[in-house]
Amino acid sequence: MKQLVVKPEKCIGCRTCELVCSFGHYQKFSPRLSNITVLEYEAATLAVPVVCQQCEDASCMKVCPVHAISRNEDGIVTINYDACIGCRLCTNACALGNMSYSPRLRKVFKCDQCGGDPKCVRYCPGGALTYEDAGRMDPRKKLTADKIVAAMGMEV
């Protein structure tokens, strides 16, 4: 299984990923409709793209009362929009806040990795996003977290 990898030290905060994502899914350049969000920490002059981590034990799937959230054959957590009732239980269950709700669509949405060809990776000018085998990511997740904590001036 492949997964998006974020390298916050390479993010330039341009938000191209948000625009490409929203356009690819909804034909609108609107960060509010993006399945990826860039969080900015001004005190640390740090921008971090945040995207669904495709959790192995996905809370969003567990709480969906109509089973509209499932894992496809590629291991990607997906939403069946025909079944989704827009109750937002999954948005509350996601510990990382990577599920969003569209009042206009009355549905939740999250990263679907563009069916295996994430546009955000292709168009990221700083190279902050890559698409790699999930097995290679575990040590990098800790490294990324450590970099963010250090940039924020926090101690763990």
N, C-alpha and C. Protein backbone atom coordinates (compact mmCIF):
# COMPACT_ATOMS: atom_id res chain seq x y z
N MET A 1 0.84 -1.18 0.00
CA MET A 1 0.00 0.00 0.00
C MET A 1 0.89 1.25 0.00
N LYS A 2 0.49 2.22 -0.76
CA LYS A 2 1.21 3.50 -0.79
C LYS A 2 0.43 4.52 0.03
N GLN A 3 1.15 5.52 0.50
CA GLN A 3 0.55 6.55 1.33
C GLN A 3 1.26 7.87 1.11
N LEU A 4 0.53 8.95 1.33
CA LEU A 4 1.13 10.28 1.22
C LEU A 4 2.08 10.51 2.38
N VAL A 5 3.23 11.05 2.08
CA VAL A 5 4.23 11.39 3.10
C VAL A 5 4.41 12.90 3.06
N VAL A 6 4.38 13.51 4.24
CA VAL A 6 4.54 14.96 4.36
C VAL A 6 5.93 15.26 4.90
N LYS A 7 6.61 16.17 4.23
CA LYS A 7 7.93 16.63 4.67
C LYS A 7 7.79 18.13 4.99
N PRO A 8 7.41 18.45 6.24
CA PRO A 8 7.10 19.84 6.58
C PRO A 8 8.24 20.81 6.35
N GLU A 9 9.47 20.33 6.45
CA GLU A 9 10.61 21.24 6.25
C GLU A 9 10.70 21.72 4.81
N LYS A 10 10.02 21.04 3.89
CA LYS A 10 10.03 21.44 2.48
C LYS A 10 8.80 22.25 2.08
N CYS A 11 7.81 22.33 2.97
CA CYS A 11 6.58 23.06 2.64
C CYS A 11 6.85 24.57 2.65
N ILE A 12 6.48 25.23 1.57
CA ILE A 12 6.68 26.67 1.46
C ILE A 12 5.40 27.45 1.77
N GLY A 13 4.34 26.73 2.15
CA GLY A 13 3.09 27.39 2.54
C GLY A 13 2.30 27.99 1.40
N CYS A 14 2.53 27.54 0.18
CA CYS A 14 1.87 28.14 -0.98
C CYS A 14 0.41 27.69 -1.15
N ARG A 15 0.06 26.58 -0.54
CA ARG A 15 -1.29 26.01 -0.57
C ARG A 15 -1.71 25.51 -1.96
N THR A 16 -0.74 25.29 -2.84
CA THR A 16 -1.05 24.73 -4.15
C THR A 16 -1.76 23.39 -3.99
N CYS A 17 -1.35 22.60 -3.02
CA CYS A 17 -1.96 21.28 -2.80
C CYS A 17 -3.46 21.41 -2.54
N GLU A 18 -3.86 22.41 -1.76
CA GLU A 18 -5.29 22.61 -1.47
C GLU A 18 -6.06 22.96 -2.74
N LEU A 19 -5.49 23.84 -3.55
CA LEU A 19 -6.18 24.26 -4.78
C LEU A 19 -6.27 23.14 -5.80
N VAL A 20 -5.19 22.40 -5.97
CA VAL A 20 -5.18 21.29 -6.93
C VAL A 20 -6.18 20.22 -6.49
N CYS A 21 -6.23 19.95 -5.20
CA CYS A 21 -7.15 18.94 -4.66
C CYS A 21 -8.60 19.35 -4.89
N SER A 22 -8.95 20.56 -4.51
CA SER A 22 -10.35 21.00 -4.66
C SER A 22 -10.76 21.04 -6.12
N PHE A 23 -9.85 21.46 -6.98
CA PHE A 23 -10.19 21.50 -8.40
C PHE A 23 -10.35 20.09 -8.97
N GLY A 24 -9.46 19.20 -8.57
CA GLY A 24 -9.53 17.82 -9.05
C GLY A 24 -10.79 17.09 -8.64
N HIS A 25 -11.31 17.42 -7.46
CA HIS A 25 -12.50 16.73 -6.97
C HIS A 25 -13.81 17.47 -7.27
N TYR A 26 -13.76 18.80 -7.24
CA TYR A 26 -15.01 19.57 -7.34
C TYR A 26 -14.99 20.64 -8.43
N GLN A 27 -13.92 20.69 -9.22
CA GLN A 27 -13.77 21.66 -10.30
C GLN A 27 -13.89 23.10 -9.81
N LYS A 28 -13.44 23.33 -8.57
CA LYS A 28 -13.42 24.67 -7.99
C LYS A 28 -12.10 24.85 -7.24
N PHE A 29 -11.50 26.02 -7.40
CA PHE A 29 -10.30 26.33 -6.64
C PHE A 29 -10.75 26.91 -5.30
N SER A 30 -10.97 26.03 -4.33
CA SER A 30 -11.47 26.45 -3.02
C SER A 30 -10.84 25.61 -1.92
N PRO A 31 -9.96 26.20 -1.11
CA PRO A 31 -9.35 25.45 -0.02
C PRO A 31 -10.38 24.80 0.92
N ARG A 32 -11.55 25.38 1.05
CA ARG A 32 -12.58 24.79 1.91
C ARG A 32 -13.07 23.44 1.39
N LEU A 33 -12.90 23.19 0.10
CA LEU A 33 -13.32 21.92 -0.49
C LEU A 33 -12.16 20.95 -0.68
N SER A 34 -11.02 21.29 -0.12
CA SER A 34 -9.84 20.46 -0.30
C SER A 34 -9.81 19.31 0.71
N ASN A 35 -9.28 18.18 0.28
CA ASN A 35 -9.12 17.03 1.16
C ASN A 35 -7.78 17.05 1.88
N ILE A 36 -7.01 18.10 1.66
CA ILE A 36 -5.74 18.32 2.35
C ILE A 36 -5.78 19.76 2.87
N THR A 37 -5.23 19.95 4.07
CA THR A 37 -5.25 21.28 4.69
C THR A 37 -3.83 21.66 5.10
N VAL A 38 -3.44 22.87 4.81
CA VAL A 38 -2.13 23.35 5.24
C VAL A 38 -2.33 24.15 6.52
N LEU A 39 -1.74 23.67 7.60
CA LEU A 39 -1.79 24.38 8.88
C LEU A 39 -0.53 25.22 8.99
N GLU A 40 -0.71 26.48 9.37
CA GLU A 40 0.44 27.37 9.51
C GLU A 40 0.65 27.73 10.96
N TYR A 41 1.90 27.64 11.39
CA TYR A 41 2.29 28.01 12.74
C TYR A 41 3.22 29.21 12.60
N GLU A 42 2.64 30.40 12.75
CA GLU A 42 3.40 31.63 12.50
C GLU A 42 4.59 31.78 13.43
N ALA A 43 4.42 31.42 14.70
CA ALA A 43 5.50 31.59 15.66
C ALA A 43 6.74 30.79 15.26
N ALA A 44 6.53 29.66 14.61
CA ALA A 44 7.65 28.82 14.20
C ALA A 44 7.94 28.94 12.71
N THR A 45 7.24 29.85 12.04
CA THR A 45 7.31 29.99 10.57
C THR A 45 7.33 28.61 9.91
N LEU A 46 6.29 27.86 10.22
CA LEU A 46 6.17 26.49 9.76
C LEU A 46 4.80 26.27 9.14
N ALA A 47 4.77 25.63 8.00
CA ALA A 47 3.51 25.23 7.35
C ALA A 47 3.55 23.71 7.19
N VAL A 48 2.45 23.06 7.57
CA VAL A 48 2.40 21.60 7.52
C VAL A 48 1.14 21.14 6.80
N PRO A 49 1.29 20.49 5.65
CA PRO A 49 0.13 19.90 5.00
C PRO A 49 -0.39 18.73 5.85
N VAL A 50 -1.68 18.71 6.09
CA VAL A 50 -2.29 17.66 6.91
C VAL A 50 -3.27 16.89 6.03
N VAL A 51 -3.14 15.56 6.05
CA VAL A 51 -3.94 14.72 5.18
C VAL A 51 -4.29 13.43 5.92
N CYS A 52 -5.35 12.77 5.50
CA CYS A 52 -5.77 11.50 6.09
C CYS A 52 -4.60 10.52 6.13
N GLN A 53 -4.41 9.89 7.27
CA GLN A 53 -3.31 8.94 7.45
C GLN A 53 -3.69 7.50 7.11
N GLN A 54 -4.92 7.29 6.64
CA GLN A 54 -5.38 5.94 6.27
C GLN A 54 -5.12 4.98 7.42
N CYS A 55 -5.56 5.36 8.62
CA CYS A 55 -5.30 4.60 9.84
C CYS A 55 -5.64 3.12 9.70
N GLU A 56 -4.77 2.30 10.26
CA GLU A 56 -5.00 0.86 10.23
C GLU A 56 -6.28 0.51 10.98
N ASP A 57 -6.46 1.12 12.14
CA ASP A 57 -7.65 0.89 12.97
C ASP A 57 -8.49 2.17 12.92
N ALA A 58 -9.07 2.45 11.77
CA ALA A 58 -9.73 3.73 11.50
C ALA A 58 -11.01 3.94 12.31
N SER A 59 -10.96 4.91 13.22
CA SER A 59 -12.12 5.24 14.05
C SER A 59 -13.30 5.71 13.21
N CYS A 60 -13.01 6.42 12.13
CA CYS A 60 -14.09 6.94 11.29
C CYS A 60 -14.94 5.80 10.73
N MET A 61 -14.31 4.69 10.39
CA MET A 61 -15.06 3.53 9.87
C MET A 61 -15.92 2.91 10.96
N LYS A 62 -15.36 2.83 12.16
CA LYS A 62 -16.06 2.17 13.27
C LYS A 62 -17.34 2.88 13.66
N VAL A 63 -17.33 4.22 13.63
CA VAL A 63 -18.48 4.96 14.14
C VAL A 63 -19.56 5.24 13.10
N CYS A 64 -19.30 4.99 11.84
CA CYS A 64 -20.28 5.30 10.80
C CYS A 64 -21.51 4.39 10.95
N PRO A 65 -22.67 4.98 11.26
CA PRO A 65 -23.87 4.17 11.51
C PRO A 65 -24.43 3.48 10.27
N VAL A 66 -24.05 3.94 9.08
CA VAL A 66 -24.58 3.34 7.85
C VAL A 66 -23.48 2.61 7.06
N HIS A 67 -22.31 2.46 7.67
CA HIS A 67 -21.18 1.76 7.04
C HIS A 67 -20.82 2.35 5.68
N ALA A 68 -20.84 3.68 5.60
CA ALA A 68 -20.50 4.37 4.35
C ALA A 68 -18.99 4.50 4.18
N ILE A 69 -18.23 4.20 5.23
CA ILE A 69 -16.78 4.31 5.17
C ILE A 69 -16.18 2.91 5.22
N SER A 70 -15.34 2.62 4.26
CA SER A 70 -14.71 1.30 4.19
C SER A 70 -13.31 1.44 3.62
N ARG A 71 -12.60 0.33 3.62
CA ARG A 71 -11.24 0.32 3.06
C ARG A 71 -11.30 -0.42 1.73
N ASN A 72 -10.77 0.19 0.68
CA ASN A 72 -10.80 -0.46 -0.63
C ASN A 72 -9.65 -1.47 -0.76
N GLU A 73 -9.57 -2.12 -1.90
CA GLU A 73 -8.56 -3.17 -2.11
C GLU A 73 -7.13 -2.65 -2.07
N ASP A 74 -6.95 -1.34 -2.23
CA ASP A 74 -5.62 -0.74 -2.15
C ASP A 74 -5.28 -0.28 -0.74
N GLY A 75 -6.20 -0.49 0.21
CA GLY A 75 -5.98 -0.09 1.59
C GLY A 75 -6.37 1.34 1.90
N ILE A 76 -6.98 2.02 0.96
CA ILE A 76 -7.38 3.42 1.16
C ILE A 76 -8.77 3.47 1.79
N VAL A 77 -8.89 4.25 2.85
CA VAL A 77 -10.19 4.44 3.50
C VAL A 77 -11.01 5.35 2.59
N THR A 78 -12.17 4.84 2.17
CA THR A 78 -13.00 5.58 1.21
C THR A 78 -14.41 5.79 1.76
N ILE A 79 -15.09 6.76 1.18
CA ILE A 79 -16.46 7.09 1.57
C ILE A 79 -17.40 6.78 0.42
N ASN A 80 -18.46 6.07 0.71
CA ASN A 80 -19.53 5.82 -0.27
C ASN A 80 -20.50 6.99 -0.13
N TYR A 81 -20.42 7.94 -1.03
CA TYR A 81 -21.22 9.16 -0.91
C TYR A 81 -22.71 8.91 -1.09
N ASP A 82 -23.08 7.84 -1.76
CA ASP A 82 -24.50 7.51 -1.88
C ASP A 82 -25.06 7.04 -0.55
N ALA A 83 -24.22 6.40 0.27
CA ALA A 83 -24.67 5.89 1.56
C ALA A 83 -24.52 6.91 2.69
N CYS A 84 -23.56 7.84 2.56
CA CYS A 84 -23.28 8.83 3.62
C CYS A 84 -24.52 9.67 3.91
N ILE A 85 -24.87 9.76 5.20
CA ILE A 85 -26.03 10.57 5.61
C ILE A 85 -25.61 11.92 6.19
N GLY A 86 -24.31 12.19 6.22
CA GLY A 86 -23.83 13.48 6.69
C GLY A 86 -23.97 13.71 8.18
N CYS A 87 -23.97 12.64 8.97
CA CYS A 87 -24.16 12.79 10.42
C CYS A 87 -22.94 13.37 11.12
N ARG A 88 -21.79 13.30 10.51
CA ARG A 88 -20.52 13.85 10.99
C ARG A 88 -19.91 13.11 12.18
N LEU A 89 -20.40 11.95 12.52
CA LEU A 89 -19.78 11.19 13.60
C LEU A 89 -18.32 10.89 13.28
N CYS A 90 -18.03 10.63 12.02
CA CYS A 90 -16.65 10.33 11.62
C CYS A 90 -15.73 11.53 11.80
N THR A 91 -16.25 12.73 11.59
CA THR A 91 -15.39 13.91 11.76
C THR A 91 -14.99 14.07 13.23
N ASN A 92 -15.90 13.69 14.12
CA ASN A 92 -15.58 13.75 15.55
C ASN A 92 -14.66 12.61 15.97
N ALA A 93 -14.77 11.47 15.30
CA ALA A 93 -13.98 10.30 15.67
C ALA A 93 -12.53 10.38 15.19
N CYS A 94 -12.27 11.14 14.15
CA CYS A 94 -10.91 11.24 13.62
C CYS A 94 -10.03 12.03 14.59
N ALA A 95 -9.10 11.33 15.21
CA ALA A 95 -8.23 11.96 16.21
C ALA A 95 -7.35 13.05 15.61
N LEU A 96 -7.09 12.96 14.31
CA LEU A 96 -6.21 13.92 13.65
C LEU A 96 -6.96 15.06 12.95
N GLY A 97 -8.29 15.00 12.96
CA GLY A 97 -9.08 16.06 12.33
C GLY A 97 -8.99 16.08 10.82
N ASN A 98 -8.80 14.92 10.22
CA ASN A 98 -8.62 14.87 8.77
C ASN A 98 -9.87 14.51 7.99
N MET A 99 -11.01 14.58 8.63
CA MET A 99 -12.30 14.40 7.95
C MET A 99 -12.97 15.77 7.97
N SER A 100 -13.56 16.16 6.87
CA SER A 100 -14.23 17.46 6.80
C SER A 100 -15.68 17.26 6.40
N TYR A 101 -16.47 18.31 6.59
CA TYR A 101 -17.89 18.26 6.25
C TYR A 101 -18.22 19.44 5.35
N SER A 102 -18.98 19.17 4.31
CA SER A 102 -19.44 20.22 3.42
C SER A 102 -20.92 20.46 3.65
N PRO A 103 -21.29 21.62 4.21
CA PRO A 103 -22.71 21.91 4.40
C PRO A 103 -23.46 21.96 3.06
N ARG A 104 -22.77 22.40 2.02
CA ARG A 104 -23.41 22.49 0.72
C ARG A 104 -23.74 21.10 0.18
N LEU A 105 -22.80 20.18 0.31
CA LEU A 105 -23.00 18.82 -0.19
C LEU A 105 -23.73 17.93 0.83
N ARG A 106 -23.70 18.38 2.09
CA ARG A 106 -24.25 17.59 3.20
C ARG A 106 -23.59 16.22 3.30
N LYS A 107 -22.30 16.22 3.07
CA LYS A 107 -21.51 14.99 3.11
C LYS A 107 -20.15 15.28 3.75
N VAL A 108 -19.52 14.22 4.25
CA VAL A 108 -18.15 14.35 4.75
C VAL A 108 -17.20 14.05 3.60
N PHE A 109 -15.98 14.51 3.73
CA PHE A 109 -14.99 14.20 2.71
C PHE A 109 -13.61 14.11 3.34
N LYS A 110 -12.74 13.36 2.68
CA LYS A 110 -11.38 13.15 3.15
C LYS A 110 -10.50 12.76 1.97
N CYS A 111 -9.23 12.68 2.19
CA CYS A 111 -8.30 12.31 1.12
C CYS A 111 -8.56 10.89 0.64
N ASP A 112 -8.68 10.75 -0.67
CA ASP A 112 -8.84 9.43 -1.29
C ASP A 112 -7.60 9.08 -2.12
N GLN A 113 -6.56 9.85 -1.95
CA GLN A 113 -5.29 9.68 -2.66
C GLN A 113 -5.47 9.68 -4.18
N CYS A 114 -6.53 10.32 -4.63
CA CYS A 114 -6.81 10.47 -6.06
C CYS A 114 -6.71 9.15 -6.82
N GLY A 115 -7.18 8.10 -6.17
CA GLY A 115 -7.17 6.80 -6.83
C GLY A 115 -5.78 6.26 -7.13
N GLY A 116 -4.79 6.69 -6.36
CA GLY A 116 -3.42 6.20 -6.56
C GLY A 116 -2.52 7.14 -7.33
N ASP A 117 -3.03 8.30 -7.70
CA ASP A 117 -2.24 9.31 -8.42
C ASP A 117 -2.51 10.68 -7.80
N PRO A 118 -2.03 10.90 -6.55
CA PRO A 118 -2.35 12.14 -5.85
C PRO A 118 -1.83 13.38 -6.58
N LYS A 119 -2.75 14.23 -6.95
CA LYS A 119 -2.40 15.45 -7.70
C LYS A 119 -1.56 16.41 -6.85
N CYS A 120 -1.81 16.43 -5.54
CA CYS A 120 -1.05 17.32 -4.67
C CYS A 120 0.44 17.01 -4.73
N VAL A 121 0.78 15.73 -4.84
CA VAL A 121 2.19 15.33 -4.95
C VAL A 121 2.78 15.83 -6.26
N ARG A 122 2.04 15.65 -7.32
CA ARG A 122 2.52 16.03 -8.66
C ARG A 122 2.77 17.53 -8.76
N TYR A 123 1.94 18.35 -8.13
CA TYR A 123 2.03 19.80 -8.31
C TYR A 123 2.68 20.55 -7.15
N CYS A 124 3.14 19.86 -6.12
CA CYS A 124 3.76 20.54 -4.98
C CYS A 124 5.11 21.12 -5.41
N PRO A 125 5.24 22.46 -5.45
CA PRO A 125 6.48 23.06 -5.95
C PRO A 125 7.68 22.87 -5.02
N GLY A 126 7.41 22.65 -3.74
CA GLY A 126 8.52 22.50 -2.79
C GLY A 126 8.94 21.06 -2.55
N GLY A 127 8.18 20.12 -3.08
CA GLY A 127 8.50 18.71 -2.85
C GLY A 127 8.16 18.24 -1.45
N ALA A 128 7.21 18.93 -0.80
CA ALA A 128 6.84 18.58 0.57
C ALA A 128 5.96 17.34 0.65
N LEU A 129 5.40 16.93 -0.48
CA LEU A 129 4.52 15.76 -0.50
C LEU A 129 5.09 14.70 -1.43
N THR A 130 5.16 13.48 -0.94
CA THR A 130 5.58 12.35 -1.78
C THR A 130 4.58 11.22 -1.58
N TYR A 131 4.62 10.24 -2.46
CA TYR A 131 3.72 9.09 -2.40
C TYR A 131 4.59 7.85 -2.37
N GLU A 132 4.63 7.19 -1.20
CA GLU A 132 5.58 6.10 -0.99
C GLU A 132 4.92 4.87 -0.39
N ASP A 133 5.65 3.76 -0.44
CA ASP A 133 5.18 2.54 0.21
C ASP A 133 5.03 2.79 1.70
N ALA A 134 3.90 2.36 2.27
CA ALA A 134 3.61 2.62 3.67
C ALA A 134 4.64 2.00 4.60
N GLY A 135 5.21 0.87 4.24
CA GLY A 135 6.19 0.20 5.09
C GLY A 135 7.42 1.04 5.38
N ARG A 136 7.74 1.96 4.50
CA ARG A 136 8.92 2.80 4.67
C ARG A 136 8.64 4.02 5.53
N MET A 137 7.38 4.22 5.91
CA MET A 137 7.00 5.48 6.53
C MET A 137 7.13 5.55 8.04
N ASP A 138 7.00 4.45 8.77
CA ASP A 138 6.94 4.51 10.22
C ASP A 138 8.07 5.33 10.85
N PRO A 139 9.35 5.09 10.50
CA PRO A 139 10.41 5.92 11.09
C PRO A 139 10.27 7.39 10.69
N ARG A 140 9.78 7.65 9.49
CA ARG A 140 9.65 9.03 9.02
C ARG A 140 8.55 9.78 9.76
N LYS A 141 7.49 9.07 10.16
CA LYS A 141 6.42 9.73 10.90
C LYS A 141 6.98 10.32 12.20
N LYS A 142 7.79 9.54 12.91
CA LYS A 142 8.38 10.03 14.15
C LYS A 142 9.33 11.18 13.86
N LEU A 143 10.13 11.06 12.82
CA LEU A 143 11.05 12.13 12.44
C LEU A 143 10.30 13.42 12.14
N THR A 144 9.20 13.30 11.40
CA THR A 144 8.38 14.46 11.06
C THR A 144 7.80 15.08 12.32
N ALA A 145 7.26 14.24 13.20
CA ALA A 145 6.70 14.75 14.45
C ALA A 145 7.77 15.46 15.28
N ASP A 146 8.97 14.88 15.35
CA ASP A 146 10.06 15.50 16.10
C ASP A 146 10.44 16.86 15.52
N LYS A 147 10.46 16.97 14.19
CA LYS A 147 10.79 18.25 13.55
C LYS A 147 9.75 19.32 13.87
N ILE A 148 8.49 18.92 13.84
CA ILE A 148 7.42 19.87 14.14
C ILE A 148 7.51 20.33 15.58
N VAL A 149 7.71 19.39 16.50
CA VAL A 149 7.83 19.72 17.92
C VAL A 149 9.01 20.66 18.14
N ALA A 150 10.13 20.38 17.51
CA ALA A 150 11.32 21.24 17.66
C ALA A 150 11.06 22.63 17.10
N ALA A 151 10.43 22.72 15.95
CA ALA A 151 10.15 24.02 15.33
C ALA A 151 9.19 24.84 16.18
N MET A 152 8.31 24.16 16.88
CA MET A 152 7.34 24.86 17.72
C MET A 152 7.94 25.24 19.07
N GLY A 153 9.15 24.76 19.35
CA GLY A 153 9.81 25.07 20.62
C GLY A 153 9.21 24.30 21.78
N MET A 154 8.63 23.16 21.50
CA MET A 154 8.01 22.35 22.55
C MET A 154 8.95 21.23 22.95
N GLU A 155 8.69 20.67 24.13
CA GLU A 155 9.44 19.50 24.59
C GLU A 155 8.46 18.37 24.81
N VAL A 156 8.93 17.15 24.55
CA VAL A 156 8.08 15.97 24.75
C VAL A 156 8.63 15.13 25.86
